[in-house]
Amino acid sequence: MSKETTDNQEKPVVPPKKADFQGQQLDIFRSFLCNGEEEREQLSNTFDLWDSVPRYAISRQQMDKIRKTKGFLDLHQIEFHYRGTALKAIIQAARIWDEKTNTSKDYYPSANEELIEDALRKIAAEQRNAFFDKQDYRSGVVFSLHMLREELKKRGHSRSYQQIVLGLNILASSIIEIRSMDGKNGEGFTKSGYFSGLAAVSKNKLTEDPQAKWIVQFHPLVTQAIDTLTYRQFNYAQMMGHQTQLARWLHKQLSLKFTFASLTNSFEMRYSTIKRDSALLSNYTRERKAIETLDAAWNELTTSGVLMKVEKSEIRGNRNKLEDVVYTINASFDFITKMKAANKRQSVTISPLAPVDNSASNVKRR
């Protein structure tokens, strides 16, 4: 399914060449179908397989509890499904050295790091920031801490430079392996850091230099998606505006899967499926509380204008025991419009040989 990556020894990040910032793959990646620059500013790309991996499911509070019990964060395993295929993610925590305390601490990537990755992908979608190196099969983005901090602030997620640097180091030092669960000994098909490379050049200490130039190399699955065009445009600004991580996860999944959205078409999702594939509801000791959290996330999507309505139907078994909940989802007119634009953009660029219309951001939709 992807180019296998099993060598996780740290290697120096080679700065991208000038030619790596140009080319058809990047032109397509940065071209969105929308009505003008104001709408284009709201858009980014979501990646089908990579964004279906539940890789940010453990909160900082959960990490604290594990550290108190074990003293460290062990390998974390999550089983999930991707378009009917059973997979397992195995996450190795990053061990980060704190110069102030002269101690090290383990971190799993969590909601904070997810926001940083999403913001970097948005920066990559802007002109001249992303690079794609076909020969060495890598992709990434060049940015400054100031640029990243301003992007997060604009989306309602302000972070200090120290918090951002910590998040970047966690993403570069955490290893994620994705294994197929098809009976073939669960053999892995990709193993890499969340960011396969991280480098910075600064005259001062990095946490004190907001203009330092940083280079991030994205995960190999992101590189593969850029190469094979298996990503979709979606309303990034709206997604980042959601207050809860679960609402943001649902928004991405709907953007990837509810591609046939219309005023007459609905979409069904089950509580059990969301719990398994997001891993964001697994920490609740009471099932009812987890369902209430999911209900609140659906309400957030409705209030923010992503959905028109969500109908809830409980499935009960013997002795009226609650077995599952089915949610029937109707999209808002705005979401339907966004899906139609994403479908049209994908149909135009589905072939790597298709001509690129760099004026796509100015196309008027009827």
Protein backbone atom coordinates (compact mmCIF):
# COMPACT_ATOMS: atom_id res chain seq x y z
CA MET A 1 0.00 0.00 0.00
CA SER A 2 2.96 2.29 0.43
CA LYS A 3 6.70 2.44 0.13
CA GLU A 4 7.91 0.52 3.17
CA THR A 5 9.89 2.47 5.72
CA THR A 6 11.60 0.45 8.44
CA ASP A 7 14.89 2.29 9.02
CA ASN A 8 14.18 4.75 11.84
CA GLN A 9 17.74 5.73 12.65
CA GLU A 10 18.10 9.49 12.68
CA LYS A 11 19.51 10.88 9.47
CA PRO A 12 20.40 14.49 8.71
CA VAL A 13 17.66 16.32 6.85
CA VAL A 14 18.97 17.40 3.47
CA PRO A 15 17.64 20.86 2.56
CA PRO A 16 15.27 20.68 -0.42
CA LYS A 17 16.56 21.90 -3.78
CA LYS A 18 14.96 24.83 -5.60
CA ALA A 19 13.43 22.41 -8.10
CA ASP A 20 11.68 20.53 -5.24
CA PHE A 21 9.40 23.55 -4.65
CA GLN A 22 8.05 23.32 -8.21
CA GLY A 23 6.32 20.74 -10.36
CA GLN A 24 2.91 19.44 -11.28
CA GLN A 25 2.31 17.46 -8.09
CA LEU A 26 2.73 20.62 -6.01
CA ASP A 27 0.74 22.77 -8.44
CA ILE A 28 -2.20 20.38 -8.04
CA PHE A 29 -1.72 20.18 -4.26
CA ARG A 30 -1.87 23.98 -3.96
CA SER A 31 -4.72 24.54 -6.41
CA PHE A 32 -8.20 24.60 -4.88
CA LEU A 33 -11.60 24.86 -6.54
CA CYS A 34 -13.26 27.82 -4.85
CA ASN A 35 -14.70 31.29 -5.30
CA GLY A 36 -11.78 33.64 -4.85
CA GLU A 37 -8.97 34.13 -2.36
CA GLU A 38 -11.18 34.60 0.71
CA GLU A 39 -12.63 31.11 0.31
CA ARG A 40 -9.28 29.64 -0.73
CA GLU A 41 -7.82 30.83 2.57
CA GLN A 42 -10.25 28.50 4.37
CA LEU A 43 -9.19 25.38 2.48
CA SER A 44 -6.55 22.73 2.96
CA ASN A 45 -6.06 19.03 2.13
CA THR A 46 -6.99 15.94 4.11
CA PHE A 47 -5.25 12.63 3.38
CA ASP A 48 -7.36 9.50 3.05
CA LEU A 49 -5.30 6.77 4.76
CA TRP A 50 -3.06 8.91 6.98
CA ASP A 51 -6.02 10.83 8.44
CA SER A 52 -7.85 7.56 9.11
CA VAL A 53 -5.11 6.36 11.48
CA PRO A 54 -6.04 7.10 15.15
CA ARG A 55 -2.63 8.51 16.00
CA TYR A 56 -3.50 11.35 18.42
CA ALA A 57 -5.87 9.57 20.78
CA ILE A 58 -4.13 9.84 24.16
CA SER A 59 -4.53 13.07 26.11
CA ARG A 60 -1.84 14.68 28.25
CA GLN A 61 -3.97 13.81 31.31
CA GLN A 62 -3.99 10.13 30.35
CA MET A 63 -0.22 10.25 29.86
CA ASP A 64 0.23 11.65 33.37
CA LYS A 65 -1.76 8.72 34.82
CA ILE A 66 0.33 6.18 32.91
CA ARG A 67 3.59 7.83 33.98
CA LYS A 68 2.52 7.75 37.65
CA THR A 69 1.82 4.01 37.36
CA LYS A 70 4.70 2.86 35.16
CA GLY A 71 7.15 5.74 35.18
CA PHE A 72 7.27 5.71 31.38
CA LEU A 73 5.02 5.37 28.32
CA ASP A 74 5.10 1.89 26.78
CA LEU A 75 4.27 0.97 23.18
CA HIS A 76 0.62 1.85 22.58
CA GLN A 77 -1.42 -0.35 20.26
CA ILE A 78 -4.70 0.64 18.60
CA GLU A 79 -6.75 -1.58 16.29
CA PHE A 80 -8.95 0.16 13.72
CA HIS A 81 -10.49 -0.29 10.29
CA TYR A 82 -9.68 1.60 7.10
CA ARG A 83 -12.30 1.16 4.38
CA GLY A 84 -13.06 -2.38 5.51
CA THR A 85 -9.45 -3.42 6.14
CA ALA A 86 -8.40 -4.29 9.70
CA LEU A 87 -5.22 -2.47 10.72
CA LYS A 88 -3.22 -1.87 13.87
CA ALA A 89 -1.23 1.23 14.83
CA ILE A 90 1.69 0.74 17.22
CA ILE A 91 2.94 4.03 18.66
CA GLN A 92 6.32 4.48 20.32
CA ALA A 93 6.41 7.56 22.54
CA ALA A 94 8.97 10.31 22.09
CA ARG A 95 11.51 10.75 24.88
CA ILE A 96 12.22 14.47 25.19
CA TRP A 97 15.09 15.97 27.18
CA ASP A 98 14.29 19.02 29.31
CA GLU A 99 17.37 21.22 29.67
CA LYS A 100 15.80 23.21 32.53
CA THR A 101 15.30 20.17 34.76
CA ASN A 102 17.99 17.91 33.25
CA THR A 103 15.44 15.13 33.01
CA SER A 104 13.73 13.28 30.17
CA LYS A 105 10.00 12.72 29.74
CA ASP A 106 7.94 10.51 27.45
CA TYR A 107 5.17 11.90 25.25
CA TYR A 108 2.69 10.36 22.86
CA PRO A 109 1.55 12.79 20.16
CA SER A 110 -1.81 14.20 21.27
CA ALA A 111 -4.32 16.90 20.33
CA ASN A 112 -1.68 19.66 20.54
CA GLU A 113 0.56 17.91 18.02
CA GLU A 114 -2.40 17.20 15.75
CA LEU A 115 -3.16 20.93 15.57
CA ILE A 116 0.50 21.64 14.73
CA GLU A 117 0.49 19.08 11.92
CA ASP A 118 -2.77 20.44 10.49
CA ALA A 119 -1.41 24.00 10.60
CA LEU A 120 1.80 22.94 8.84
CA ARG A 121 -0.21 21.21 6.12
CA LYS A 122 -2.13 24.45 5.60
CA ILE A 123 1.15 26.37 5.37
CA ALA A 124 2.35 23.77 2.85
CA ALA A 125 -0.72 24.47 0.72
CA GLU A 126 0.36 28.09 0.40
CA GLN A 127 2.66 29.15 -2.42
CA ARG A 128 6.39 28.31 -2.23
CA ASN A 129 6.31 26.65 1.20
CA ALA A 130 5.89 22.97 0.28
CA PHE A 131 8.44 20.74 -1.41
CA PHE A 132 8.17 17.35 -3.14
CA ASP A 133 11.28 15.35 -4.01
CA LYS A 134 10.29 12.51 -6.30
CA GLN A 135 13.79 11.03 -6.51
CA ASP A 136 14.24 10.63 -2.74
CA TYR A 137 10.48 10.22 -2.27
CA ARG A 138 9.95 12.84 0.41
CA SER A 139 7.72 15.84 0.91
CA GLY A 140 7.48 18.58 3.48
CA VAL A 141 7.32 22.25 4.27
CA VAL A 142 9.73 25.09 5.09
CA PHE A 143 8.47 27.58 7.66
CA SER A 144 9.37 29.77 10.64
CA LEU A 145 8.11 29.44 14.19
CA HIS A 146 6.49 32.86 13.80
CA MET A 147 4.62 31.68 10.70
CA LEU A 148 3.38 28.54 12.47
CA ARG A 149 2.44 30.41 15.64
CA GLU A 150 0.46 33.00 13.68
CA GLU A 151 -1.40 30.26 11.77
CA LEU A 152 -2.38 28.53 15.01
CA LYS A 153 -3.41 31.84 16.59
CA LYS A 154 -5.55 32.74 13.58
CA ARG A 155 -7.43 29.44 13.99
CA GLY A 156 -8.07 29.96 17.70
CA HIS A 157 -5.28 27.75 19.06
CA SER A 158 -2.60 30.11 20.37
CA ARG A 159 0.62 28.46 21.53
CA SER A 160 3.91 29.78 22.90
CA TYR A 161 7.11 29.23 20.95
CA GLN A 162 8.22 26.75 23.63
CA GLN A 163 5.00 24.75 23.27
CA ILE A 164 5.39 24.68 19.48
CA VAL A 165 9.02 23.53 19.63
CA LEU A 166 8.06 20.79 22.09
CA GLY A 167 5.26 19.67 19.76
CA LEU A 168 7.57 19.59 16.74
CA ASN A 169 10.10 17.49 18.65
CA ILE A 170 7.39 15.08 19.80
CA LEU A 171 6.21 14.64 16.21
CA ALA A 172 9.73 14.02 14.94
CA SER A 173 10.69 11.62 17.74
CA SER A 174 7.51 9.51 17.99
CA ILE A 175 7.47 6.38 15.83
CA ILE A 176 4.29 4.92 14.39
CA GLU A 177 4.05 1.50 12.79
CA ILE A 178 0.93 0.49 10.85
CA ARG A 179 0.34 -3.22 10.45
CA SER A 180 -2.20 -5.11 8.39
CA MET A 181 -4.32 -7.57 10.38
CA ASP A 182 -5.12 -9.95 7.52
CA GLY A 183 -3.79 -13.10 9.13
CA LYS A 184 -0.30 -12.85 7.64
CA ASN A 185 1.39 -12.55 11.03
CA GLY A 186 0.28 -8.92 11.19
CA GLU A 187 3.28 -7.91 9.11
CA GLY A 188 3.96 -4.18 9.01
CA PHE A 189 3.76 -2.13 5.87
CA THR A 190 4.99 1.23 7.15
CA LYS A 191 7.09 2.37 10.10
CA SER A 192 8.33 5.92 10.47
CA GLY A 193 8.32 9.01 12.62
CA TYR A 194 5.16 11.10 12.47
CA PHE A 195 7.52 13.55 10.79
CA SER A 196 10.23 11.61 8.97
CA GLY A 197 12.62 14.53 9.39
CA LEU A 198 13.01 17.79 11.31
CA ALA A 199 15.74 20.42 11.08
CA ALA A 200 16.19 24.08 11.93
CA VAL A 201 18.78 26.75 11.23
CA SER A 202 19.12 29.62 13.67
CA LYS A 203 21.75 32.06 14.92
CA ASN A 204 20.18 31.96 18.39
CA LYS A 205 18.60 29.32 20.61
CA LEU A 206 15.72 27.86 18.61
CA THR A 207 13.06 28.59 21.21
CA GLU A 208 14.14 32.25 21.21
CA ASP A 209 14.32 32.77 17.44
CA PRO A 210 10.84 33.04 15.89
CA GLN A 211 12.35 33.68 12.44
CA ALA A 212 14.50 30.52 12.39
CA LYS A 213 13.92 28.49 9.25
CA TRP A 214 12.57 25.03 10.00
CA ILE A 215 12.22 22.06 7.66
CA VAL A 216 9.69 19.31 8.30
CA GLN A 217 9.52 16.16 6.24
CA PHE A 218 6.00 14.70 6.32
CA HIS A 219 5.18 11.06 7.00
CA PRO A 220 5.74 8.77 3.96
CA LEU A 221 1.98 8.23 3.65
CA VAL A 222 1.55 11.98 3.09
CA THR A 223 4.28 11.88 0.44
CA GLN A 224 2.53 8.96 -1.22
CA ALA A 225 -0.78 10.83 -1.18
CA ILE A 226 0.80 13.91 -2.79
CA ASP A 227 2.39 11.67 -5.42
CA THR A 228 -0.78 9.68 -6.21
CA LEU A 229 -3.27 12.55 -5.63
CA THR A 230 -5.17 10.62 -2.91
CA TYR A 231 -6.18 13.67 -0.88
CA ARG A 232 -9.20 15.95 -0.87
CA GLN A 233 -9.76 19.63 -0.28
CA PHE A 234 -11.92 20.45 2.73
CA ASN A 235 -12.93 23.35 4.96
CA TYR A 236 -9.84 23.49 7.15
CA ALA A 237 -10.78 26.79 8.82
CA GLN A 238 -14.14 25.40 9.93
CA MET A 239 -12.52 22.16 11.15
CA MET A 240 -9.92 24.06 13.18
CA GLY A 241 -12.71 26.17 14.68
CA HIS A 242 -14.25 23.18 16.47
CA GLN A 243 -13.56 23.16 20.19
CA THR A 244 -13.23 19.40 20.68
CA GLN A 245 -10.81 16.93 19.14
CA LEU A 246 -13.64 14.48 18.45
CA ALA A 247 -15.60 17.08 16.45
CA ARG A 248 -12.47 17.78 14.38
CA TRP A 249 -11.99 14.05 13.76
CA LEU A 250 -15.63 13.65 12.66
CA HIS A 251 -15.33 16.63 10.31
CA LYS A 252 -12.30 15.10 8.57
CA GLN A 253 -13.95 11.70 8.29
CA LEU A 254 -17.10 13.19 6.80
CA SER A 255 -14.95 15.16 4.34
CA LEU A 256 -13.29 11.92 3.23
CA LYS A 257 -16.32 9.62 3.20
CA PHE A 258 -19.53 11.64 2.78
CA THR A 259 -18.49 12.56 -0.76
CA PHE A 260 -22.02 11.97 -2.11
CA ALA A 261 -23.58 14.55 0.21
CA SER A 262 -26.75 16.17 -1.11
CA LEU A 263 -30.06 17.43 0.22
CA THR A 264 -31.59 14.02 -0.49
CA ASN A 265 -28.72 11.79 0.64
CA SER A 266 -27.93 10.97 4.26
CA PHE A 267 -24.99 9.17 5.80
CA GLU A 268 -24.90 6.67 8.67
CA MET A 269 -22.21 6.24 11.31
CA ARG A 270 -22.34 3.94 14.33
CA TYR A 271 -21.10 4.70 17.81
CA SER A 272 -19.15 1.41 17.86
CA THR A 273 -17.39 2.29 14.61
CA ILE A 274 -16.48 5.79 15.78
CA LYS A 275 -15.19 4.43 19.10
CA ARG A 276 -13.02 1.85 17.32
CA ASP A 277 -11.65 4.01 14.52
CA SER A 278 -11.08 7.28 16.41
CA ALA A 279 -9.90 5.71 19.70
CA LEU A 280 -11.06 8.96 21.32
CA LEU A 281 -13.86 7.32 23.34
CA SER A 282 -11.96 4.31 24.66
CA ASN A 283 -10.95 5.92 27.96
CA TYR A 284 -14.49 6.27 29.30
CA THR A 285 -15.39 3.75 32.01
CA ARG A 286 -19.12 4.31 31.42
CA GLU A 287 -20.51 3.68 27.93
CA ARG A 288 -23.27 6.20 28.51
CA LYS A 289 -20.76 8.97 29.18
CA ALA A 290 -18.89 8.15 25.96
CA ILE A 291 -22.14 8.34 24.00
CA GLU A 292 -22.97 11.69 25.61
CA THR A 293 -19.54 12.97 24.51
CA LEU A 294 -20.23 11.82 20.96
CA ASP A 295 -23.68 13.45 21.03
CA ALA A 296 -22.04 16.72 22.06
CA ALA A 297 -19.59 16.47 19.16
CA TRP A 298 -22.44 15.98 16.69
CA ASN A 299 -24.20 18.98 18.21
CA GLU A 300 -21.01 21.01 17.74
CA LEU A 301 -20.93 20.11 14.05
CA THR A 302 -24.57 21.07 13.67
CA THR A 303 -24.15 24.37 15.51
CA SER A 304 -21.08 25.30 13.44
CA GLY A 305 -22.98 24.72 10.18
CA VAL A 306 -21.32 21.51 8.96
CA LEU A 307 -24.49 19.46 9.38
CA MET A 308 -28.17 20.27 9.00
CA LYS A 309 -29.39 17.60 11.42
CA VAL A 310 -28.37 14.35 13.12
CA GLU A 311 -30.91 11.69 14.07
CA LYS A 312 -30.03 9.15 16.75
CA SER A 313 -31.37 5.59 16.92
CA GLU A 314 -30.46 3.17 19.72
CA ILE A 315 -30.01 -0.55 19.10
CA ARG A 316 -31.00 -2.65 22.09
CA GLY A 317 -30.66 -6.36 22.77
CA ASN A 318 -31.72 -8.73 25.52
CA ARG A 319 -33.24 -7.09 28.58
CA ASN A 320 -33.20 -3.79 26.74
CA LYS A 321 -29.40 -3.59 26.96
CA LEU A 322 -27.94 -0.84 24.79
CA GLU A 323 -25.74 -2.48 22.14
CA ASP A 324 -25.04 0.37 19.73
CA VAL A 325 -26.22 3.75 18.46
CA VAL A 326 -26.82 4.62 14.80
CA TYR A 327 -26.48 8.26 13.75
CA THR A 328 -28.17 9.35 10.52
CA ILE A 329 -26.47 12.50 9.25
CA ASN A 330 -27.81 15.15 6.90
CA ALA A 331 -25.30 17.65 5.61
CA SER A 332 -25.76 21.40 5.52
CA PHE A 333 -26.01 23.20 2.20
CA ASP A 334 -22.55 24.66 2.80
CA PHE A 335 -20.99 21.22 3.39
CA ILE A 336 -22.73 19.88 0.28
CA THR A 337 -21.30 22.73 -1.77
CA LYS A 338 -17.81 22.05 -0.38
CA MET A 339 -18.10 18.33 -1.22
CA LYS A 340 -19.19 19.05 -4.77
CA ALA A 341 -16.23 21.39 -5.25
CA ALA A 342 -13.86 18.76 -3.81
CA ASN A 343 -15.34 16.11 -6.12
CA LYS A 344 -14.94 18.35 -9.15
CA ARG A 345 -11.36 19.25 -8.26
CA GLN A 346 -10.51 15.56 -7.82
CA SER A 347 -12.13 14.55 -11.10
CA VAL A 348 -10.04 17.15 -12.95
CA THR A 349 -6.75 16.18 -11.28
CA ILE A 350 -7.22 12.42 -10.87
CA SER A 351 -4.64 11.74 -13.56
CA PRO A 352 -1.05 12.87 -12.89
CA LEU A 353 -0.93 13.84 -16.56
CA ALA A 354 -3.94 16.12 -16.36
CA PRO A 355 -3.18 19.75 -17.19
CA VAL A 356 -3.09 22.00 -14.16
CA ASP A 357 -5.26 25.12 -14.13
CA ASN A 358 -3.50 27.51 -11.79
CA SER A 359 -6.52 29.80 -11.88
CA ALA A 360 -8.65 27.16 -10.14
CA SER A 361 -8.96 29.39 -7.10
CA ASN A 362 -10.96 31.83 -9.22
CA VAL A 363 -13.40 29.33 -10.77
CA LYS A 364 -17.02 30.30 -10.13
CA ARG A 365 -19.40 27.48 -9.16
CA ARG A 366 -22.96 27.40 -10.30
